[in-house]
Every structure is written in structure tokens, then in C-alpha cells.
N, C-alpha and C. Protein backbone atom coordinates (compact mmCIF):
# COMPACT_ATOMS: atom_id res chain seq x y z
N MET A 1 24.11 2.54 0.09
CA MET A 1 24.15 3.90 -0.40
C MET A 1 25.59 4.20 -0.83
N SER A 2 25.74 4.79 -2.00
CA SER A 2 27.07 5.08 -2.51
C SER A 2 27.56 6.45 -2.02
N ILE A 3 28.84 6.68 -2.15
CA ILE A 3 29.43 7.99 -1.78
C ILE A 3 28.80 9.08 -2.61
N TRP A 4 28.54 8.79 -3.88
CA TRP A 4 27.91 9.77 -4.77
C TRP A 4 26.56 10.23 -4.19
N GLU A 5 25.77 9.29 -3.73
CA GLU A 5 24.45 9.62 -3.16
C GLU A 5 24.56 10.45 -1.89
N ILE A 6 25.65 10.25 -1.15
CA ILE A 6 25.85 11.00 0.09
C ILE A 6 26.32 12.42 -0.20
N LEU A 7 27.26 12.57 -1.13
CA LEU A 7 27.89 13.87 -1.38
C LEU A 7 27.10 14.78 -2.31
N VAL A 8 26.37 14.21 -3.23
CA VAL A 8 25.63 15.02 -4.20
C VAL A 8 24.15 14.99 -3.84
N PRO A 9 23.56 16.19 -3.60
CA PRO A 9 22.12 16.20 -3.27
C PRO A 9 21.30 15.68 -4.44
N THR A 10 20.20 15.05 -4.12
CA THR A 10 19.35 14.51 -5.17
C THR A 10 18.68 15.64 -5.94
N MET A 11 18.41 15.39 -7.18
CA MET A 11 17.77 16.39 -8.03
C MET A 11 16.29 16.53 -7.67
N THR A 12 15.70 15.47 -7.18
CA THR A 12 14.29 15.50 -6.81
C THR A 12 14.21 15.57 -5.29
N PRO A 13 13.67 16.68 -4.75
CA PRO A 13 13.58 16.79 -3.29
C PRO A 13 12.67 15.70 -2.71
N LYS A 14 13.00 15.26 -1.52
CA LYS A 14 12.20 14.23 -0.87
C LYS A 14 11.61 14.77 0.42
N GLU A 15 10.58 14.09 0.91
CA GLU A 15 9.90 14.48 2.14
C GLU A 15 9.50 13.24 2.92
N VAL A 16 9.19 13.44 4.17
CA VAL A 16 8.73 12.33 4.99
C VAL A 16 7.34 11.93 4.52
N SER A 17 7.15 10.64 4.34
CA SER A 17 5.88 10.10 3.88
C SER A 17 5.32 9.18 4.96
N HIS A 18 4.08 9.41 5.35
CA HIS A 18 3.42 8.54 6.33
C HIS A 18 2.80 7.36 5.60
N GLY A 19 2.82 6.22 6.22
CA GLY A 19 2.30 4.99 5.61
C GLY A 19 0.81 4.81 5.80
N PRO A 20 0.35 3.56 5.74
CA PRO A 20 -1.08 3.26 5.75
C PRO A 20 -1.82 3.70 7.02
N ASN A 21 -1.09 3.95 8.10
CA ASN A 21 -1.75 4.36 9.34
C ASN A 21 -1.98 5.87 9.41
N GLY A 22 -1.57 6.60 8.39
CA GLY A 22 -1.83 8.03 8.32
C GLY A 22 -0.90 8.88 9.16
N VAL A 23 -1.18 10.18 9.20
CA VAL A 23 -0.30 11.14 9.86
C VAL A 23 -0.35 11.06 11.38
N ALA A 24 -1.34 10.41 11.94
CA ALA A 24 -1.42 10.27 13.40
C ALA A 24 -0.38 9.30 13.94
N ASP A 25 0.17 8.44 13.07
CA ASP A 25 1.15 7.43 13.48
C ASP A 25 2.54 7.83 13.01
N ASN A 26 3.37 8.30 13.94
CA ASN A 26 4.73 8.71 13.60
C ASN A 26 5.77 7.65 13.97
N SER A 27 5.34 6.41 14.10
CA SER A 27 6.29 5.34 14.40
C SER A 27 7.18 5.11 13.18
N VAL A 28 8.39 4.65 13.44
CA VAL A 28 9.37 4.43 12.37
C VAL A 28 8.82 3.49 11.30
N SER A 29 8.07 2.49 11.71
CA SER A 29 7.54 1.52 10.74
C SER A 29 6.49 2.14 9.80
N ASN A 30 5.94 3.31 10.15
CA ASN A 30 4.93 3.96 9.32
C ASN A 30 5.50 5.12 8.51
N LEU A 31 6.81 5.35 8.60
CA LEU A 31 7.43 6.49 7.91
C LEU A 31 8.40 6.03 6.83
N SER A 32 8.51 6.82 5.79
CA SER A 32 9.52 6.59 4.75
C SER A 32 9.91 7.94 4.16
N TYR A 33 10.89 7.95 3.29
CA TYR A 33 11.40 9.16 2.67
C TYR A 33 11.12 9.06 1.18
N GLU A 34 10.20 9.87 0.67
CA GLU A 34 9.71 9.74 -0.70
C GLU A 34 9.70 11.09 -1.41
N THR A 35 9.57 11.05 -2.74
CA THR A 35 9.33 12.28 -3.49
C THR A 35 7.90 12.73 -3.21
N ARG A 36 7.60 13.98 -3.47
CA ARG A 36 6.24 14.51 -3.27
C ARG A 36 5.23 13.69 -4.08
N SER A 37 5.60 13.38 -5.31
CA SER A 37 4.72 12.61 -6.19
C SER A 37 4.41 11.24 -5.61
N GLN A 38 5.45 10.53 -5.14
CA GLN A 38 5.24 9.19 -4.58
C GLN A 38 4.44 9.27 -3.29
N ASN A 39 4.69 10.32 -2.49
CA ASN A 39 3.96 10.51 -1.25
C ASN A 39 2.45 10.65 -1.54
N LEU A 40 2.10 11.46 -2.53
CA LEU A 40 0.69 11.64 -2.87
C LEU A 40 0.07 10.35 -3.39
N LEU A 41 0.82 9.60 -4.20
CA LEU A 41 0.31 8.31 -4.69
C LEU A 41 0.07 7.35 -3.53
N ASN A 42 1.00 7.33 -2.57
CA ASN A 42 0.84 6.45 -1.41
C ASN A 42 -0.36 6.86 -0.58
N ARG A 43 -0.56 8.16 -0.38
CA ARG A 43 -1.71 8.63 0.41
C ARG A 43 -3.02 8.26 -0.27
N ARG A 44 -3.02 8.34 -1.58
CA ARG A 44 -4.24 7.96 -2.31
C ARG A 44 -4.47 6.45 -2.19
N ARG A 45 -3.42 5.67 -2.36
CA ARG A 45 -3.52 4.20 -2.24
C ARG A 45 -4.01 3.81 -0.85
N ASP A 46 -3.48 4.48 0.18
CA ASP A 46 -3.81 4.13 1.56
C ASP A 46 -5.08 4.83 2.05
N LYS A 47 -5.68 5.64 1.18
CA LYS A 47 -6.91 6.38 1.51
C LYS A 47 -6.73 7.27 2.74
N THR A 48 -5.56 7.94 2.81
CA THR A 48 -5.30 8.84 3.93
C THR A 48 -5.13 10.28 3.44
N ILE A 49 -5.66 10.58 2.26
CA ILE A 49 -5.51 11.92 1.70
C ILE A 49 -6.82 12.69 1.86
N GLY A 50 -6.72 13.93 2.27
CA GLY A 50 -7.88 14.81 2.32
C GLY A 50 -8.81 14.57 3.49
N LYS A 51 -9.81 15.44 3.58
CA LYS A 51 -10.83 15.33 4.63
C LYS A 51 -11.96 14.43 4.15
N ALA A 52 -12.51 13.67 5.06
CA ALA A 52 -13.64 12.81 4.73
C ALA A 52 -14.89 13.67 4.49
N VAL A 53 -15.71 13.25 3.54
CA VAL A 53 -16.97 13.95 3.26
C VAL A 53 -18.14 12.97 3.35
N ARG A 54 -19.30 13.51 3.71
CA ARG A 54 -20.50 12.69 3.87
C ARG A 54 -21.58 13.16 2.91
N ARG A 55 -22.15 12.20 2.21
CA ARG A 55 -23.29 12.45 1.33
C ARG A 55 -24.55 12.58 2.16
N SER A 56 -25.57 13.22 1.62
CA SER A 56 -26.82 13.43 2.37
C SER A 56 -27.52 12.13 2.75
N ASP A 57 -27.18 11.01 2.11
CA ASP A 57 -27.78 9.73 2.50
C ASP A 57 -26.94 9.00 3.56
N GLY A 58 -25.88 9.67 4.07
CA GLY A 58 -25.07 9.11 5.14
C GLY A 58 -23.81 8.40 4.72
N VAL A 59 -23.61 8.17 3.42
CA VAL A 59 -22.42 7.47 2.95
C VAL A 59 -21.22 8.40 3.10
N VAL A 60 -20.13 7.87 3.70
CA VAL A 60 -18.92 8.66 3.95
C VAL A 60 -17.83 8.22 2.98
N PHE A 61 -17.11 9.20 2.41
CA PHE A 61 -15.98 8.95 1.53
C PHE A 61 -14.72 9.47 2.21
N PRO A 62 -13.58 8.80 2.05
CA PRO A 62 -12.34 9.22 2.71
C PRO A 62 -11.87 10.61 2.29
N SER A 63 -12.23 11.04 1.08
CA SER A 63 -11.82 12.36 0.61
C SER A 63 -12.81 12.88 -0.42
N MET A 64 -12.76 14.18 -0.63
CA MET A 64 -13.60 14.82 -1.63
C MET A 64 -13.26 14.29 -3.03
N THR A 65 -11.98 14.07 -3.27
CA THR A 65 -11.53 13.56 -4.57
C THR A 65 -12.11 12.19 -4.85
N MET A 66 -12.08 11.32 -3.86
CA MET A 66 -12.61 9.96 -4.06
C MET A 66 -14.11 9.99 -4.26
N ALA A 67 -14.80 10.87 -3.55
CA ALA A 67 -16.26 11.01 -3.72
C ALA A 67 -16.56 11.50 -5.13
N ALA A 68 -15.80 12.48 -5.58
CA ALA A 68 -16.02 13.04 -6.92
C ALA A 68 -15.77 11.98 -8.00
N GLU A 69 -14.70 11.21 -7.85
CA GLU A 69 -14.40 10.15 -8.82
C GLU A 69 -15.53 9.13 -8.88
N GLU A 70 -16.06 8.78 -7.73
CA GLU A 70 -17.16 7.81 -7.65
C GLU A 70 -18.40 8.30 -8.41
N HIS A 71 -18.61 9.62 -8.43
CA HIS A 71 -19.81 10.19 -9.04
C HIS A 71 -19.56 10.80 -10.42
N GLY A 72 -18.31 10.76 -10.89
CA GLY A 72 -18.00 11.30 -12.21
C GLY A 72 -18.10 12.82 -12.29
N ILE A 73 -17.76 13.50 -11.19
CA ILE A 73 -17.78 14.97 -11.17
C ILE A 73 -16.43 15.48 -10.67
N TYR A 74 -16.24 16.78 -10.72
CA TYR A 74 -15.01 17.39 -10.20
C TYR A 74 -15.13 17.59 -8.70
N PRO A 75 -14.01 17.46 -7.95
CA PRO A 75 -14.04 17.72 -6.51
C PRO A 75 -14.54 19.13 -6.19
N SER A 76 -14.30 20.08 -7.07
CA SER A 76 -14.74 21.46 -6.83
C SER A 76 -16.26 21.56 -6.74
N HIS A 77 -16.98 20.67 -7.41
CA HIS A 77 -18.45 20.68 -7.32
C HIS A 77 -18.89 20.40 -5.89
N ILE A 78 -18.27 19.39 -5.27
CA ILE A 78 -18.60 19.05 -3.88
C ILE A 78 -18.14 20.17 -2.95
N HIS A 79 -16.95 20.67 -3.19
CA HIS A 79 -16.40 21.77 -2.39
C HIS A 79 -17.34 22.97 -2.40
N ASN A 80 -17.83 23.33 -3.58
CA ASN A 80 -18.72 24.49 -3.70
C ASN A 80 -20.04 24.28 -2.95
N VAL A 81 -20.55 23.07 -2.96
CA VAL A 81 -21.79 22.79 -2.21
C VAL A 81 -21.53 22.91 -0.71
N ILE A 82 -20.42 22.34 -0.24
CA ILE A 82 -20.10 22.39 1.19
C ILE A 82 -19.93 23.84 1.66
N HIS A 83 -19.25 24.64 0.84
CA HIS A 83 -18.93 26.01 1.24
C HIS A 83 -19.94 27.05 0.77
N GLY A 84 -20.97 26.61 0.05
CA GLY A 84 -21.99 27.55 -0.42
C GLY A 84 -21.46 28.55 -1.43
N ASN A 85 -20.49 28.13 -2.25
CA ASN A 85 -19.87 29.04 -3.20
C ASN A 85 -20.63 29.18 -4.52
N CYS A 86 -21.77 28.58 -4.62
CA CYS A 86 -22.53 28.67 -5.87
C CYS A 86 -24.02 28.54 -5.56
N ARG A 87 -24.83 28.72 -6.58
CA ARG A 87 -26.28 28.59 -6.38
C ARG A 87 -26.72 27.15 -6.19
N ALA A 88 -25.92 26.23 -6.73
CA ALA A 88 -26.28 24.82 -6.62
C ALA A 88 -26.21 24.36 -5.16
N LYS A 89 -27.23 23.69 -4.73
CA LYS A 89 -27.28 23.17 -3.36
C LYS A 89 -26.87 21.71 -3.30
N THR A 90 -26.71 21.08 -4.49
CA THR A 90 -26.33 19.67 -4.54
C THR A 90 -25.23 19.47 -5.59
N ALA A 91 -24.54 18.36 -5.46
CA ALA A 91 -23.58 17.90 -6.47
C ALA A 91 -23.85 16.42 -6.67
N ALA A 92 -24.01 16.00 -7.90
CA ALA A 92 -24.36 14.61 -8.23
C ALA A 92 -25.66 14.18 -7.55
N GLY A 93 -26.54 15.15 -7.31
CA GLY A 93 -27.84 14.85 -6.73
C GLY A 93 -27.86 14.72 -5.21
N PHE A 94 -26.76 15.06 -4.55
CA PHE A 94 -26.67 14.94 -3.09
C PHE A 94 -26.21 16.26 -2.47
N GLU A 95 -26.65 16.49 -1.23
CA GLU A 95 -26.05 17.53 -0.42
C GLU A 95 -24.80 16.93 0.21
N TRP A 96 -23.82 17.77 0.54
CA TRP A 96 -22.55 17.28 1.07
C TRP A 96 -22.14 18.06 2.30
N GLU A 97 -21.36 17.39 3.18
CA GLU A 97 -20.77 18.05 4.34
C GLU A 97 -19.48 17.32 4.69
N TYR A 98 -18.62 18.00 5.47
CA TYR A 98 -17.43 17.31 5.96
C TYR A 98 -17.86 16.31 7.03
N ALA A 99 -17.26 15.14 7.01
CA ALA A 99 -17.58 14.11 8.00
C ALA A 99 -16.55 14.19 9.13
N ASN A 100 -17.00 14.18 10.33
CA ASN A 100 -16.09 14.19 11.48
C ASN A 100 -15.81 12.74 11.87
N VAL A 101 -14.84 12.14 11.18
CA VAL A 101 -14.50 10.75 11.45
C VAL A 101 -13.27 10.66 12.31
């Protein structure tokens, strides 16, 4: 690390990023210091982003976003079904709920 890096704050704020073991593991080996953007990319790569959701046939997805991508719909469609925010009772032909994993 150079003196410049120490004395001049970075233009892009950084935050603690949890590794592949998720937020439950605060060991040094699972932590790094990343930009918000990189942190989100890492969480998506490690499948530790968001709450898990379960399709009515029992299939569980790590997040609403991943389930939506798999079915070619927006995450808000699944969200609305779970929360009863619309008349539709299904999204992509399935009922949805949060999975307690």
C-alpha cells in the first residue's frame, strides 16, 4: 500500500464483504473489503444473496432473483404472489413462499 492510498480516501467507498460461507461466518478468512458493486457480485456468485424461496412443487431457490431468472420473469412477480399484493395467485405457473432453510 502506498502513502497516497493511506493519506487520500478512496473515491469509491468500500464495505466489509462476506465470502462464500455467507454472513453467518465472520472469520477473517471469509471477510474482505470491497466496493458495494463487487460485494453484490460476490454474493450473487456465492449464492448468498437474498432470502430463499420455495416453489409449490417443493423446489427451493437461494433467492427470489435467481428463481425469477430461472423462469424468465421479474422478481417482483414472485414477491407479489408471496405477499398477496395482486390478484395473481401464481407466478410462472407456481405458488411461492419463503423457504426456511
